Amino acid sequence: MVNYSQLYFSDSFFSTGQKDIYTKNKEVVGKLDLKSAFTSTIDVLDLQGNILISGKFPIFSNKWIVTNQAGEELGFLRARFSFFTKKYEYTAHNRGIYRVESEPFSKTYEIFTEKGKRVGQFKKVNSIFSTPAFEMSQEKQDIEIGEMIAVVMGVNAIQKRSHSAANSTV
């Protein structure tokens, strides 16, 4: 997938099916394949339908694993404990650790390197009565764009898991 500075993509109500990844000019540059309504597995596809990047929760794990088209693990995302902010940490194997942070009631998340340099951001642009849609911008090429999309969808998947666990009854 070519690197674009600003992309848009969305989830779906039942987290299944393919959704377009597009630029602010509505140019489709890839697809997001939401594999199943019963799992949070996703694939980032190029325009020809080839898998570029995948993301999923392994069985009995709260870590979101990001893999390349060969199935090799590129890194993992996990929630970090925090009182007043929403924090996540993406460990990109052999490339460093990235922090994903947001203020408590904000829908904007910023992505930083270990040294505090901002490399991108994303925000939920709707989701009250519709599916979450995301606007993602990349400032530095530290993380490949497809990998960054998988990280954004991982944050969304972790939040959905957290909300469903909080709303379940015993």
Foldseek 3Di string as FASTA:
>chain_A
DDDDFKWKWFAAPLQAAKIFIAGPVRHTAWIWGRHGSVFRKIFTGGPVRQGAKIWGADPPGLKIFIAGSVRHTQWIKHWDDDDFKTWMWTQGPPQAIWIWIGGDPAQKIWIAGPVGHTFWIKGFPDDPPGTTMMMIGGDDPSDPPRRVVNVVSSVVVSVVVVVVVVPDDD
